[in-house]
């Protein structure tokens, strides 16, 4: 029997199915792209984690952001934003709420905004960047 491919977490598989249904029903390509990001292996999805400082840097007050990974609490947030993510760290939740923002799940964002209009996708580093950072670290040790 071949090894299973794709995410093994039942919650993530159901979320991918929901995102694809929303894409087909409303014609919103953003949900298809988020589903494709969630289908990546766990070792790559961990690289997609985003700090609050990045959310602060790339958003304005009132923006809606989707993060197909975990939101971490490093940095500060000085304006209210709505952040939908797979998971949140405790400090990230506190900082989002302290800034007057809102932390919601991805299915909740689909329910509120089925067409995905005005939603930004934030991801951390990509595989190519990660390789470059690893190379640099190895060269520094020499």
Protein backbone atom coordinates (compact mmCIF):
# COMPACT_ATOMS: atom_id res chain seq x y z
CA UNK A 1 0.00 0.00 0.00
CA UNK A 2 1.50 3.37 -1.00
CA UNK A 3 2.16 6.02 1.61
CA UNK A 4 -0.57 8.66 1.85
CA UNK A 5 0.21 11.98 0.22
CA UNK A 6 -1.08 15.39 1.17
CA UNK A 7 -2.13 16.56 4.61
CA UNK A 8 -2.99 13.82 7.08
CA UNK A 9 -4.80 16.10 9.51
CA UNK A 10 -8.55 15.64 9.16
CA UNK A 11 -9.22 19.32 9.96
CA UNK A 12 -6.90 20.52 7.21
CA UNK A 13 -8.35 18.07 4.67
CA UNK A 14 -11.87 19.31 5.48
CA UNK A 15 -10.71 22.94 5.25
CA UNK A 16 -9.15 22.28 1.82
CA UNK A 17 -12.42 20.73 0.66
CA UNK A 18 -14.36 23.77 1.97
CA UNK A 19 -11.98 26.17 0.21
CA UNK A 20 -12.34 24.32 -3.10
CA UNK A 21 -16.16 24.34 -2.77
CA UNK A 22 -16.09 28.10 -2.14
CA UNK A 23 -13.87 28.55 -5.20
CA UNK A 24 -16.29 26.61 -7.41
CA UNK A 25 -19.44 28.19 -5.96
CA UNK A 26 -18.33 31.83 -5.97
CA UNK A 27 -15.58 31.85 -8.59
CA UNK A 28 -13.06 33.31 -6.14
CA UNK A 29 -9.53 32.20 -7.13
CA UNK A 30 -8.15 33.31 -3.74
CA UNK A 31 -9.74 30.28 -2.06
CA UNK A 32 -8.20 27.90 -4.60
CA UNK A 33 -4.76 29.41 -3.96
CA UNK A 34 -5.16 29.12 -0.17
CA UNK A 35 -6.20 25.47 -0.64
CA UNK A 36 -3.09 24.85 -2.74
CA UNK A 37 -0.91 26.37 0.00
CA UNK A 38 -2.55 24.17 2.63
CA UNK A 39 -1.89 21.08 0.52
CA UNK A 40 1.86 21.61 0.84
CA UNK A 41 3.77 19.27 3.16
CA UNK A 42 3.91 20.21 6.83
CA UNK A 43 7.62 20.97 6.68
CA UNK A 44 6.89 23.68 4.08
CA UNK A 45 3.73 24.97 5.75
CA UNK A 46 5.78 25.67 8.88
CA UNK A 47 7.82 28.10 6.79
CA UNK A 48 4.62 30.02 5.95
CA UNK A 49 4.23 31.17 9.59
CA UNK A 50 3.85 34.94 9.88
CA UNK A 51 4.79 37.26 12.74
CA UNK A 52 2.58 40.13 13.87
CA UNK A 53 5.28 42.55 12.70
CA UNK A 54 4.74 41.36 9.10
CA UNK A 55 0.98 41.80 9.44
CA UNK A 56 1.64 45.33 10.70
CA UNK A 57 4.06 46.09 7.84
CA UNK A 58 1.84 44.93 4.96
CA UNK A 59 -1.62 46.05 6.10
CA UNK A 60 -3.54 49.24 6.79
CA UNK A 61 -6.32 49.84 9.30
CA UNK A 62 -9.41 47.82 8.44
CA UNK A 63 -7.68 45.33 6.12
CA UNK A 64 -8.53 41.63 6.06
CA UNK A 65 -5.68 39.13 5.89
CA UNK A 66 -5.60 35.34 5.53
CA UNK A 67 -2.58 33.35 6.73
CA UNK A 68 -2.54 29.67 5.67
CA UNK A 69 -0.35 28.81 8.66
CA UNK A 70 0.27 29.97 12.22
CA UNK A 71 0.38 33.63 13.27
CA UNK A 72 3.18 34.25 15.77
CA UNK A 73 3.45 37.08 18.29
CA UNK A 74 6.82 38.66 17.48
CA UNK A 75 6.53 42.40 16.89
CA UNK A 76 3.79 44.94 17.45
CA UNK A 77 0.50 45.77 15.77
CA UNK A 78 -0.57 49.42 15.81
CA UNK A 79 -3.82 49.34 13.79
CA UNK A 80 -6.95 47.15 13.76
CA UNK A 81 -7.00 44.35 11.19
CA UNK A 82 -9.00 41.16 10.73
CA UNK A 83 -6.69 38.15 10.59
CA UNK A 84 -7.91 34.71 9.53
CA UNK A 85 -5.42 31.91 10.08
CA UNK A 86 -4.99 28.22 10.64
CA UNK A 87 -3.67 28.81 14.18
CA UNK A 88 -2.70 31.68 16.47
CA UNK A 89 -0.16 31.84 19.27
CA UNK A 90 -1.42 33.24 22.58
CA UNK A 91 0.69 36.38 22.29
CA UNK A 92 -0.49 36.99 18.72
CA UNK A 93 -4.14 36.76 19.83
CA UNK A 94 -3.48 39.23 22.65
CA UNK A 95 -1.75 41.72 20.36
CA UNK A 96 -4.45 41.54 17.67
CA UNK A 97 -7.20 42.13 20.24
CA UNK A 98 -5.20 44.90 21.97
CA UNK A 99 -4.93 46.76 18.64
CA UNK A 100 -8.72 46.54 18.19
CA UNK A 101 -8.50 43.85 15.52
CA UNK A 102 -10.12 40.49 15.17
CA UNK A 103 -8.69 36.97 14.95
CA UNK A 104 -10.97 34.52 13.15
CA UNK A 105 -10.74 31.10 11.52
CA UNK A 106 -10.51 30.64 7.75
CA UNK A 107 -14.00 29.03 7.51
CA UNK A 108 -15.42 32.07 9.32
CA UNK A 109 -13.77 34.37 6.76
CA UNK A 110 -15.29 32.33 3.93
CA UNK A 111 -18.71 32.66 5.56
CA UNK A 112 -18.31 36.45 5.95
CA UNK A 113 -16.71 37.14 2.56
CA UNK A 114 -17.44 34.27 0.14
CA UNK A 115 -16.05 36.11 -2.89
CA UNK A 116 -12.79 36.92 -1.11
CA UNK A 117 -12.84 40.55 -2.21
CA UNK A 118 -10.29 42.76 -0.50
CA UNK A 119 -8.55 39.87 1.26
CA UNK A 120 -4.74 39.76 1.32
CA UNK A 121 -2.74 36.54 1.65
CA UNK A 122 0.36 36.69 3.84
CA UNK A 123 2.88 33.88 3.96
CA UNK A 124 6.31 33.62 5.52
CA UNK A 125 9.42 32.58 3.64
CA UNK A 126 9.24 30.28 0.64
CA UNK A 127 11.30 27.17 -0.01
CA UNK A 128 13.75 29.01 -2.28
CA UNK A 129 14.43 31.67 0.35
CA UNK A 130 14.85 29.03 3.01
CA UNK A 131 17.52 27.29 0.95
CA UNK A 132 19.38 30.57 0.56
CA UNK A 133 19.28 31.21 4.31
CA UNK A 134 20.58 27.71 5.02
CA UNK A 135 23.43 28.19 2.52
CA UNK A 136 24.33 31.49 4.13
CA UNK A 137 24.40 29.96 7.60
CA UNK A 138 26.68 27.17 6.41
CA UNK A 139 29.07 29.66 4.78
CA UNK A 140 29.21 31.76 7.95
CA UNK A 141 30.24 28.73 10.03
CA UNK A 142 33.32 28.07 7.80
